[in-house]
Amino acid sequence: MSNSSEPNMPGVSHTPIVYDDTPIKWEYKKIEKSPDEEQSLDEEELNKLGSEGWELVEVVQVNSWFHYYFKRPAE
């Protein structure tokens, strides 16, 4: 009998899991738009920000202003 704590399963390989507990450092971007003066962010603008690594986290409306919050890992 094997002393291994894992069951013997022929033909099944096990991929090791590596945990990295290094905290991620983020940078943030906030874009404010007033629907009275400007259009909201369109698909083209959002795709451009996404290609730069920005992820849209939240959109908040305060009075007539829209606040777009983005984050990406800091370099």
N, C-alpha and C. Protein backbone atom coordinates (compact mmCIF):
# COMPACT_ATOMS: atom_id res chain seq x y z
N MET A 1 0.84 -1.17 0.00
CA MET A 1 0.00 0.00 0.00
C MET A 1 0.89 1.24 0.00
N SER A 2 0.44 2.29 -0.67
CA SER A 2 1.21 3.52 -0.79
C SER A 2 1.03 4.39 0.45
N ASN A 3 2.07 5.14 0.78
CA ASN A 3 1.99 6.07 1.91
C ASN A 3 1.44 7.42 1.49
N SER A 4 1.13 7.59 0.22
CA SER A 4 0.63 8.87 -0.29
C SER A 4 -0.76 9.15 0.27
N SER A 5 -1.04 10.42 0.53
CA SER A 5 -2.36 10.79 1.04
C SER A 5 -3.38 10.92 -0.09
N GLU A 6 -2.91 10.89 -1.35
CA GLU A 6 -3.83 10.99 -2.49
C GLU A 6 -4.16 9.58 -2.98
N PRO A 7 -5.41 9.37 -3.38
CA PRO A 7 -5.77 8.05 -3.89
C PRO A 7 -5.05 7.76 -5.20
N ASN A 8 -4.77 6.50 -5.45
CA ASN A 8 -4.11 6.08 -6.68
C ASN A 8 -5.16 6.04 -7.79
N MET A 9 -5.06 6.97 -8.73
CA MET A 9 -6.03 7.04 -9.83
C MET A 9 -5.26 7.02 -11.14
N PRO A 10 -5.08 5.85 -11.72
CA PRO A 10 -4.32 5.73 -12.96
C PRO A 10 -4.93 6.59 -14.07
N GLY A 11 -4.05 7.27 -14.83
CA GLY A 11 -4.51 8.08 -15.95
C GLY A 11 -4.96 9.48 -15.57
N VAL A 12 -4.96 9.81 -14.30
CA VAL A 12 -5.39 11.14 -13.85
C VAL A 12 -4.16 11.88 -13.35
N SER A 13 -3.88 13.00 -13.98
CA SER A 13 -2.74 13.80 -13.51
C SER A 13 -3.27 14.92 -12.62
N HIS A 14 -2.45 15.33 -11.71
CA HIS A 14 -2.83 16.38 -10.77
C HIS A 14 -2.00 17.62 -11.06
N THR A 15 -2.66 18.73 -11.26
CA THR A 15 -1.98 19.99 -11.48
C THR A 15 -1.77 20.66 -10.13
N PRO A 16 -0.53 20.98 -9.82
CA PRO A 16 -0.30 21.66 -8.53
C PRO A 16 -0.91 23.06 -8.54
N ILE A 17 -1.39 23.48 -7.41
CA ILE A 17 -1.95 24.82 -7.25
C ILE A 17 -0.94 25.66 -6.48
N VAL A 18 -0.62 26.82 -7.04
CA VAL A 18 0.32 27.71 -6.39
C VAL A 18 -0.44 28.96 -5.97
N TYR A 19 -0.38 29.31 -4.72
CA TYR A 19 -1.05 30.49 -4.20
C TYR A 19 -0.03 31.61 -4.03
N ASP A 20 -0.36 32.77 -4.55
CA ASP A 20 0.49 33.95 -4.39
C ASP A 20 -0.28 34.92 -3.52
N ASP A 21 0.17 35.11 -2.31
CA ASP A 21 -0.56 36.00 -1.39
C ASP A 21 -0.05 37.43 -1.42
N THR A 22 0.72 37.76 -2.47
CA THR A 22 1.19 39.14 -2.63
C THR A 22 -0.01 40.02 -2.96
N PRO A 23 -0.25 41.06 -2.18
CA PRO A 23 -1.41 41.92 -2.46
C PRO A 23 -1.24 42.64 -3.79
N ILE A 24 -2.34 42.77 -4.51
CA ILE A 24 -2.32 43.49 -5.78
C ILE A 24 -2.44 44.98 -5.47
N LYS A 25 -1.60 45.78 -6.12
CA LYS A 25 -1.69 47.23 -5.99
C LYS A 25 -2.46 47.74 -7.20
N TRP A 26 -3.44 48.58 -6.95
CA TRP A 26 -4.32 49.08 -8.00
C TRP A 26 -4.08 50.56 -8.25
N GLU A 27 -4.35 50.97 -9.47
CA GLU A 27 -4.48 52.39 -9.75
C GLU A 27 -5.90 52.60 -10.25
N TYR A 28 -6.40 53.82 -10.04
CA TYR A 28 -7.79 54.11 -10.31
C TYR A 28 -7.93 55.30 -11.24
N LYS A 29 -9.03 55.30 -11.96
CA LYS A 29 -9.34 56.41 -12.86
C LYS A 29 -10.82 56.73 -12.67
N LYS A 30 -11.12 58.03 -12.61
CA LYS A 30 -12.51 58.47 -12.49
C LYS A 30 -12.79 59.43 -13.64
N ILE A 31 -13.85 59.17 -14.37
CA ILE A 31 -14.27 60.05 -15.46
C ILE A 31 -15.66 60.55 -15.11
N GLU A 32 -15.84 61.87 -15.16
CA GLU A 32 -17.13 62.49 -14.86
C GLU A 32 -17.73 63.03 -16.15
N LYS A 33 -19.00 62.75 -16.36
CA LYS A 33 -19.70 63.24 -17.55
C LYS A 33 -21.05 63.79 -17.13
N SER A 34 -21.40 64.94 -17.70
CA SER A 34 -22.71 65.52 -17.49
C SER A 34 -23.55 65.27 -18.73
N PRO A 35 -24.69 64.60 -18.59
CA PRO A 35 -25.52 64.34 -19.77
C PRO A 35 -26.05 65.63 -20.40
N ASP A 36 -26.07 66.74 -19.66
CA ASP A 36 -26.51 68.01 -20.21
C ASP A 36 -25.50 68.56 -21.21
N GLU A 37 -24.21 68.27 -21.00
CA GLU A 37 -23.16 68.86 -21.82
C GLU A 37 -22.48 67.83 -22.74
N GLU A 38 -22.41 66.59 -22.33
CA GLU A 38 -21.65 65.60 -23.06
C GLU A 38 -22.44 64.29 -23.15
N GLN A 39 -22.07 63.47 -24.09
CA GLN A 39 -22.64 62.13 -24.14
C GLN A 39 -21.93 61.25 -23.14
N SER A 40 -22.62 60.19 -22.71
CA SER A 40 -21.96 59.23 -21.82
C SER A 40 -20.89 58.49 -22.61
N LEU A 41 -20.09 57.72 -21.91
CA LEU A 41 -19.04 56.96 -22.58
C LEU A 41 -19.67 55.96 -23.53
N ASP A 42 -19.21 55.97 -24.79
CA ASP A 42 -19.77 55.03 -25.75
C ASP A 42 -18.90 53.77 -25.82
N GLU A 43 -19.35 52.82 -26.62
CA GLU A 43 -18.67 51.53 -26.72
C GLU A 43 -17.23 51.69 -27.19
N GLU A 44 -16.98 52.59 -28.11
CA GLU A 44 -15.62 52.80 -28.62
C GLU A 44 -14.68 53.30 -27.53
N GLU A 45 -15.17 54.28 -26.73
CA GLU A 45 -14.35 54.80 -25.63
C GLU A 45 -14.09 53.74 -24.57
N LEU A 46 -15.14 52.95 -24.24
CA LEU A 46 -14.97 51.89 -23.24
C LEU A 46 -13.99 50.83 -23.73
N ASN A 47 -14.07 50.47 -25.02
CA ASN A 47 -13.13 49.49 -25.57
C ASN A 47 -11.71 50.01 -25.56
N LYS A 48 -11.52 51.30 -25.82
CA LYS A 48 -10.18 51.90 -25.79
C LYS A 48 -9.61 51.81 -24.37
N LEU A 49 -10.42 52.18 -23.38
CA LEU A 49 -9.98 52.09 -21.99
C LEU A 49 -9.67 50.63 -21.62
N GLY A 50 -10.50 49.70 -22.08
CA GLY A 50 -10.27 48.29 -21.80
C GLY A 50 -8.97 47.80 -22.41
N SER A 51 -8.64 48.27 -23.61
CA SER A 51 -7.39 47.85 -24.25
C SER A 51 -6.18 48.41 -23.52
N GLU A 52 -6.38 49.47 -22.75
CA GLU A 52 -5.30 50.05 -21.93
C GLU A 52 -5.24 49.39 -20.56
N GLY A 53 -6.08 48.37 -20.33
CA GLY A 53 -6.05 47.63 -19.07
C GLY A 53 -7.05 48.10 -18.03
N TRP A 54 -7.85 49.12 -18.35
CA TRP A 54 -8.82 49.64 -17.38
C TRP A 54 -10.07 48.76 -17.36
N GLU A 55 -10.54 48.46 -16.17
CA GLU A 55 -11.76 47.68 -15.97
C GLU A 55 -12.80 48.60 -15.33
N LEU A 56 -13.98 48.70 -15.95
CA LEU A 56 -15.06 49.50 -15.39
C LEU A 56 -15.58 48.80 -14.14
N VAL A 57 -15.54 49.51 -13.01
CA VAL A 57 -15.94 48.93 -11.74
C VAL A 57 -17.36 49.35 -11.37
N GLU A 58 -17.68 50.64 -11.60
CA GLU A 58 -18.98 51.13 -11.18
C GLU A 58 -19.30 52.44 -11.89
N VAL A 59 -20.59 52.68 -12.07
CA VAL A 59 -21.07 53.96 -12.57
C VAL A 59 -22.07 54.48 -11.54
N VAL A 60 -21.85 55.71 -11.10
CA VAL A 60 -22.71 56.32 -10.08
C VAL A 60 -23.25 57.62 -10.64
N GLN A 61 -24.54 57.84 -10.45
CA GLN A 61 -25.13 59.11 -10.87
C GLN A 61 -25.37 59.97 -9.64
N VAL A 62 -24.81 61.19 -9.66
CA VAL A 62 -25.02 62.16 -8.60
C VAL A 62 -25.59 63.39 -9.27
N ASN A 63 -26.82 63.71 -8.92
CA ASN A 63 -27.57 64.77 -9.60
C ASN A 63 -27.57 64.47 -11.09
N SER A 64 -27.06 65.36 -11.91
CA SER A 64 -27.07 65.09 -13.35
C SER A 64 -25.72 64.56 -13.85
N TRP A 65 -24.78 64.32 -12.96
CA TRP A 65 -23.44 63.86 -13.35
C TRP A 65 -23.32 62.35 -13.23
N PHE A 66 -22.63 61.76 -14.19
CA PHE A 66 -22.30 60.34 -14.13
C PHE A 66 -20.82 60.21 -13.80
N HIS A 67 -20.50 59.40 -12.82
CA HIS A 67 -19.13 59.16 -12.39
C HIS A 67 -18.78 57.71 -12.75
N TYR A 68 -17.81 57.55 -13.64
CA TYR A 68 -17.35 56.24 -14.08
C TYR A 68 -16.06 55.92 -13.33
N TYR A 69 -16.03 54.80 -12.63
CA TYR A 69 -14.85 54.40 -11.86
C TYR A 69 -14.21 53.18 -12.52
N PHE A 70 -12.91 53.28 -12.76
CA PHE A 70 -12.12 52.23 -13.39
C PHE A 70 -10.96 51.85 -12.48
N LYS A 71 -10.46 50.62 -12.65
CA LYS A 71 -9.25 50.20 -11.95
C LYS A 71 -8.44 49.31 -12.87
N ARG A 72 -7.13 49.24 -12.57
CA ARG A 72 -6.22 48.30 -13.24
C ARG A 72 -5.03 48.08 -12.31
N PRO A 73 -4.37 46.94 -12.47
CA PRO A 73 -3.20 46.69 -11.64
C PRO A 73 -2.12 47.76 -11.90
N ALA A 74 -1.55 48.28 -10.83
CA ALA A 74 -0.50 49.30 -10.95
C ALA A 74 0.77 48.63 -11.49
N GLU A 75 1.51 49.37 -12.23
CA GLU A 75 2.77 48.84 -12.78
C GLU A 75 3.92 49.04 -11.83
